[in-house]
Amino acid sequence: MLHITKNEMRSDADRNSFGLAALAVCKAAKNAEGVNDAKFFWINPNLIGIIVDAEAGAWGADVEPNAEAMKAFFDLADLSNQVASEIWMSAGIGEERFNMAK
């Protein structure tokens, strides 16, 4: 599953600190069991997208984060506002869930 978030930098934030905070979230995600990869992308000078590729139940709002992840989340929140959060599943998982409904 892909966990995709977008964070918009606050007007009083430092751009370098904003980027480093996004990097810290990615590093924390990569240290979590069941996470395959995590990267961030600059969408524009004030907007960052973070994509975490993880197995179901390994990352996201329903998973208890460790201390490293919580620090990274709060550091990023001090510098930005989350403007989008989505979870994308593979076609295989979608088909599996559809078949469960039959």
N, C-alpha and C. Protein backbone atom coordinates (compact mmCIF):
# COMPACT_ATOMS: atom_id res chain seq x y z
N MET A 1 0.85 -1.18 0.00
CA MET A 1 0.00 0.00 0.00
C MET A 1 0.89 1.24 0.00
N LEU A 2 0.43 2.24 -0.68
CA LEU A 2 1.14 3.51 -0.70
C LEU A 2 0.41 4.50 0.20
N HIS A 3 1.12 5.06 1.14
CA HIS A 3 0.59 6.09 2.04
C HIS A 3 1.15 7.41 1.52
N ILE A 4 0.28 8.27 1.03
CA ILE A 4 0.71 9.49 0.37
C ILE A 4 0.18 10.69 1.16
N THR A 5 1.08 11.54 1.57
CA THR A 5 0.68 12.77 2.25
C THR A 5 1.32 13.96 1.56
N LYS A 6 0.67 15.10 1.68
CA LYS A 6 1.22 16.36 1.18
C LYS A 6 1.23 17.34 2.34
N ASN A 7 2.35 18.02 2.49
CA ASN A 7 2.50 19.01 3.55
C ASN A 7 2.91 20.34 2.93
N GLU A 8 2.20 21.39 3.34
CA GLU A 8 2.49 22.73 2.86
C GLU A 8 3.24 23.50 3.94
N MET A 9 4.37 24.07 3.56
CA MET A 9 5.21 24.79 4.50
C MET A 9 4.48 26.03 5.04
N ARG A 10 4.61 26.26 6.34
CA ARG A 10 4.05 27.47 6.94
C ARG A 10 4.88 28.67 6.52
N SER A 11 4.28 29.83 6.49
CA SER A 11 4.96 31.04 6.01
C SER A 11 6.14 31.44 6.89
N ASP A 12 6.12 31.04 8.16
CA ASP A 12 7.21 31.41 9.07
C ASP A 12 8.28 30.32 9.18
N ALA A 13 8.18 29.27 8.38
CA ALA A 13 9.11 28.13 8.47
C ALA A 13 10.32 28.34 7.55
N ASP A 14 11.39 27.69 7.90
CA ASP A 14 12.61 27.68 7.09
C ASP A 14 12.53 26.52 6.11
N ARG A 15 12.77 26.79 4.83
CA ARG A 15 12.63 25.77 3.79
C ARG A 15 13.58 24.60 4.01
N ASN A 16 14.80 24.87 4.42
CA ASN A 16 15.77 23.79 4.66
C ASN A 16 15.29 22.89 5.80
N SER A 17 14.80 23.49 6.87
CA SER A 17 14.28 22.72 8.01
C SER A 17 13.07 21.89 7.59
N PHE A 18 12.24 22.45 6.73
CA PHE A 18 11.07 21.76 6.22
C PHE A 18 11.49 20.50 5.46
N GLY A 19 12.46 20.64 4.58
CA GLY A 19 12.96 19.49 3.83
C GLY A 19 13.58 18.44 4.73
N LEU A 20 14.35 18.89 5.72
CA LEU A 20 14.98 17.95 6.65
C LEU A 20 13.94 17.22 7.51
N ALA A 21 12.87 17.91 7.84
CA ALA A 21 11.80 17.26 8.62
C ALA A 21 11.10 16.18 7.79
N ALA A 22 10.89 16.45 6.51
CA ALA A 22 10.29 15.44 5.63
C ALA A 22 11.23 14.24 5.49
N LEU A 23 12.52 14.52 5.38
CA LEU A 23 13.51 13.45 5.30
C LEU A 23 13.49 12.60 6.57
N ALA A 24 13.34 13.24 7.72
CA ALA A 24 13.28 12.50 8.99
C ALA A 24 12.07 11.57 9.05
N VAL A 25 10.93 12.02 8.51
CA VAL A 25 9.75 11.15 8.45
C VAL A 25 10.06 9.93 7.59
N CYS A 26 10.71 10.15 6.46
CA CYS A 26 11.06 9.03 5.58
C CYS A 26 12.02 8.06 6.26
N LYS A 27 13.01 8.59 6.96
CA LYS A 27 13.96 7.72 7.67
C LYS A 27 13.26 6.92 8.75
N ALA A 28 12.35 7.56 9.48
CA ALA A 28 11.61 6.85 10.53
C ALA A 28 10.75 5.76 9.91
N ALA A 29 10.13 6.05 8.78
CA ALA A 29 9.30 5.05 8.11
C ALA A 29 10.14 3.86 7.67
N LYS A 30 11.30 4.14 7.11
CA LYS A 30 12.17 3.06 6.62
C LYS A 30 12.65 2.16 7.76
N ASN A 31 12.68 2.69 8.97
CA ASN A 31 13.09 1.90 10.13
C ASN A 31 11.95 1.06 10.71
N ALA A 32 10.74 1.28 10.22
CA ALA A 32 9.58 0.53 10.72
C ALA A 32 9.48 -0.81 9.99
N GLU A 33 9.20 -1.85 10.74
CA GLU A 33 9.04 -3.18 10.15
C GLU A 33 7.83 -3.19 9.22
N GLY A 34 8.00 -3.75 8.04
CA GLY A 34 6.92 -3.83 7.07
C GLY A 34 6.88 -2.68 6.09
N VAL A 35 7.78 -1.70 6.25
CA VAL A 35 7.86 -0.59 5.30
C VAL A 35 8.92 -0.94 4.26
N ASN A 36 8.53 -0.89 3.00
CA ASN A 36 9.44 -1.24 1.90
C ASN A 36 10.28 -0.06 1.44
N ASP A 37 9.70 1.13 1.45
CA ASP A 37 10.43 2.31 0.99
C ASP A 37 9.67 3.56 1.44
N ALA A 38 10.38 4.66 1.51
CA ALA A 38 9.78 5.95 1.84
C ALA A 38 10.61 7.05 1.19
N LYS A 39 9.94 7.95 0.50
CA LYS A 39 10.63 9.04 -0.19
C LYS A 39 9.77 10.29 -0.09
N PHE A 40 10.45 11.46 -0.20
CA PHE A 40 9.67 12.68 -0.30
C PHE A 40 10.06 13.41 -1.58
N PHE A 41 9.12 14.22 -2.06
CA PHE A 41 9.28 14.94 -3.32
C PHE A 41 8.84 16.38 -3.14
N TRP A 42 9.59 17.29 -3.75
CA TRP A 42 9.17 18.69 -3.77
C TRP A 42 8.16 18.85 -4.89
N ILE A 43 6.94 19.22 -4.56
CA ILE A 43 5.90 19.46 -5.55
C ILE A 43 6.03 20.88 -6.09
N ASN A 44 6.32 21.78 -5.19
CA ASN A 44 6.69 23.16 -5.51
C ASN A 44 7.51 23.67 -4.33
N PRO A 45 8.02 24.90 -4.35
CA PRO A 45 8.90 25.34 -3.26
C PRO A 45 8.28 25.32 -1.86
N ASN A 46 6.96 25.24 -1.78
CA ASN A 46 6.29 25.27 -0.48
C ASN A 46 5.49 24.00 -0.16
N LEU A 47 5.58 22.99 -1.01
CA LEU A 47 4.76 21.79 -0.85
C LEU A 47 5.60 20.54 -1.07
N ILE A 48 5.52 19.64 -0.10
CA ILE A 48 6.25 18.38 -0.17
C ILE A 48 5.25 17.23 -0.15
N GLY A 49 5.51 16.22 -0.97
CA GLY A 49 4.75 14.99 -0.95
C GLY A 49 5.61 13.88 -0.36
N ILE A 50 5.05 13.09 0.51
CA ILE A 50 5.75 11.95 1.11
C ILE A 50 5.02 10.69 0.70
N ILE A 51 5.76 9.72 0.17
CA ILE A 51 5.18 8.45 -0.25
C ILE A 51 5.86 7.34 0.53
N VAL A 52 5.07 6.61 1.30
CA VAL A 52 5.57 5.46 2.07
C VAL A 52 4.93 4.20 1.50
N ASP A 53 5.77 3.29 1.04
CA ASP A 53 5.33 2.00 0.51
C ASP A 53 5.45 0.98 1.64
N ALA A 54 4.31 0.48 2.10
CA ALA A 54 4.33 -0.41 3.27
C ALA A 54 3.32 -1.54 3.11
N GLU A 55 3.60 -2.62 3.78
CA GLU A 55 2.65 -3.72 3.85
C GLU A 55 1.44 -3.26 4.67
N ALA A 56 0.29 -3.85 4.41
CA ALA A 56 -0.92 -3.50 5.16
C ALA A 56 -0.68 -3.67 6.66
N GLY A 57 -1.05 -2.66 7.43
CA GLY A 57 -0.90 -2.72 8.88
C GLY A 57 0.48 -2.35 9.41
N ALA A 58 1.38 -1.92 8.53
CA ALA A 58 2.73 -1.58 8.97
C ALA A 58 2.95 -0.08 9.15
N TRP A 59 2.11 0.75 8.53
CA TRP A 59 2.30 2.20 8.58
C TRP A 59 0.95 2.86 8.45
N GLY A 60 0.78 3.99 9.06
CA GLY A 60 -0.46 4.75 8.91
C GLY A 60 -1.10 5.08 10.24
N ALA A 61 -2.25 5.70 10.15
CA ALA A 61 -2.93 6.21 11.33
C ALA A 61 -3.37 5.12 12.30
N ASP A 62 -3.57 3.91 11.81
CA ASP A 62 -4.04 2.84 12.68
C ASP A 62 -2.91 2.02 13.29
N VAL A 63 -1.66 2.46 13.08
CA VAL A 63 -0.49 1.74 13.59
C VAL A 63 0.16 2.56 14.70
N GLU A 64 0.51 1.91 15.79
CA GLU A 64 1.17 2.60 16.90
C GLU A 64 2.60 2.98 16.48
N PRO A 65 2.91 4.27 16.37
CA PRO A 65 4.25 4.68 15.94
C PRO A 65 5.26 4.56 17.08
N ASN A 66 6.53 4.45 16.70
CA ASN A 66 7.59 4.45 17.70
C ASN A 66 8.00 5.89 18.01
N ALA A 67 8.91 6.06 18.95
CA ALA A 67 9.32 7.41 19.38
C ALA A 67 9.96 8.19 18.24
N GLU A 68 10.76 7.52 17.42
CA GLU A 68 11.42 8.19 16.30
C GLU A 68 10.38 8.76 15.32
N ALA A 69 9.38 7.96 15.02
CA ALA A 69 8.33 8.41 14.10
C ALA A 69 7.52 9.57 14.70
N MET A 70 7.18 9.48 15.98
CA MET A 70 6.41 10.56 16.61
C MET A 70 7.18 11.86 16.61
N LYS A 71 8.49 11.80 16.92
CA LYS A 71 9.31 13.02 16.88
C LYS A 71 9.31 13.61 15.47
N ALA A 72 9.48 12.75 14.47
CA ALA A 72 9.50 13.21 13.09
C ALA A 72 8.16 13.83 12.69
N PHE A 73 7.05 13.21 13.10
CA PHE A 73 5.73 13.75 12.78
C PHE A 73 5.53 15.13 13.39
N PHE A 74 5.89 15.27 14.68
CA PHE A 74 5.69 16.56 15.34
C PHE A 74 6.65 17.63 14.81
N ASP A 75 7.87 17.25 14.48
CA ASP A 75 8.81 18.22 13.90
C ASP A 75 8.27 18.73 12.56
N LEU A 76 7.72 17.82 11.75
CA LEU A 76 7.15 18.24 10.47
C LEU A 76 5.91 19.10 10.70
N ALA A 77 5.09 18.74 11.67
CA ALA A 77 3.89 19.51 11.97
C ALA A 77 4.20 20.91 12.48
N ASP A 78 5.34 21.08 13.13
CA ASP A 78 5.74 22.41 13.60
C ASP A 78 6.06 23.35 12.44
N LEU A 79 6.38 22.77 11.27
CA LEU A 79 6.82 23.56 10.12
C LEU A 79 5.80 23.62 8.98
N SER A 80 4.77 22.78 9.05
CA SER A 80 3.87 22.67 7.91
C SER A 80 2.47 22.24 8.34
N ASN A 81 1.57 22.32 7.39
CA ASN A 81 0.21 21.81 7.57
C ASN A 81 0.01 20.67 6.57
N GLN A 82 -0.53 19.56 7.06
CA GLN A 82 -0.83 18.47 6.15
C GLN A 82 -2.09 18.85 5.37
N VAL A 83 -1.99 18.85 4.06
CA VAL A 83 -3.12 19.27 3.23
C VAL A 83 -3.77 18.10 2.49
N ALA A 84 -3.14 16.93 2.51
CA ALA A 84 -3.73 15.75 1.87
C ALA A 84 -3.15 14.49 2.50
N SER A 85 -3.97 13.47 2.57
CA SER A 85 -3.54 12.16 3.06
C SER A 85 -4.37 11.10 2.35
N GLU A 86 -3.69 10.20 1.64
CA GLU A 86 -4.38 9.16 0.89
C GLU A 86 -3.66 7.84 1.07
N ILE A 87 -4.42 6.76 0.94
CA ILE A 87 -3.83 5.42 0.93
C ILE A 87 -4.24 4.78 -0.39
N TRP A 88 -3.24 4.36 -1.14
CA TRP A 88 -3.49 3.69 -2.42
C TRP A 88 -3.13 2.22 -2.26
N MET A 89 -3.99 1.35 -2.75
CA MET A 89 -3.72 -0.08 -2.68
C MET A 89 -3.48 -0.61 -4.08
N SER A 90 -2.77 -1.70 -4.16
CA SER A 90 -2.51 -2.33 -5.46
C SER A 90 -3.80 -2.90 -6.03
N ALA A 91 -3.77 -3.16 -7.32
CA ALA A 91 -4.93 -3.76 -7.97
C ALA A 91 -5.25 -5.12 -7.35
N GLY A 92 -4.21 -5.86 -6.98
CA GLY A 92 -4.41 -7.18 -6.38
C GLY A 92 -5.14 -7.10 -5.05
N ILE A 93 -4.75 -6.16 -4.21
CA ILE A 93 -5.43 -5.99 -2.92
C ILE A 93 -6.87 -5.53 -3.15
N GLY A 94 -7.05 -4.62 -4.11
CA GLY A 94 -8.40 -4.16 -4.42
C GLY A 94 -9.29 -5.30 -4.89
N GLU A 95 -8.76 -6.15 -5.75
CA GLU A 95 -9.55 -7.29 -6.23
C GLU A 95 -9.85 -8.26 -5.09
N GLU A 96 -8.86 -8.50 -4.23
CA GLU A 96 -9.06 -9.39 -3.08
C GLU A 96 -10.18 -8.86 -2.19
N ARG A 97 -10.18 -7.58 -1.94
CA ARG A 97 -11.22 -7.00 -1.08
C ARG A 97 -12.58 -7.01 -1.76
N PHE A 98 -12.59 -6.79 -3.07
CA PHE A 98 -13.84 -6.86 -3.81
C PHE A 98 -14.42 -8.27 -3.75
N ASN A 99 -13.56 -9.27 -3.92
CA ASN A 99 -14.01 -10.65 -3.88
C ASN A 99 -14.53 -11.05 -2.49
N MET A 100 -14.03 -10.43 -1.45
CA MET A 100 -14.53 -10.69 -0.10
C MET A 100 -15.98 -10.25 0.04
N ALA A 101 -16.36 -9.25 -0.73
CA ALA A 101 -17.71 -8.68 -0.64
C ALA A 101 -18.76 -9.53 -1.36
N LYS A 102 -18.31 -10.47 -2.15
CA LYS A 102 -19.26 -11.30 -2.92
C LYS A 102 -19.94 -12.31 -2.04
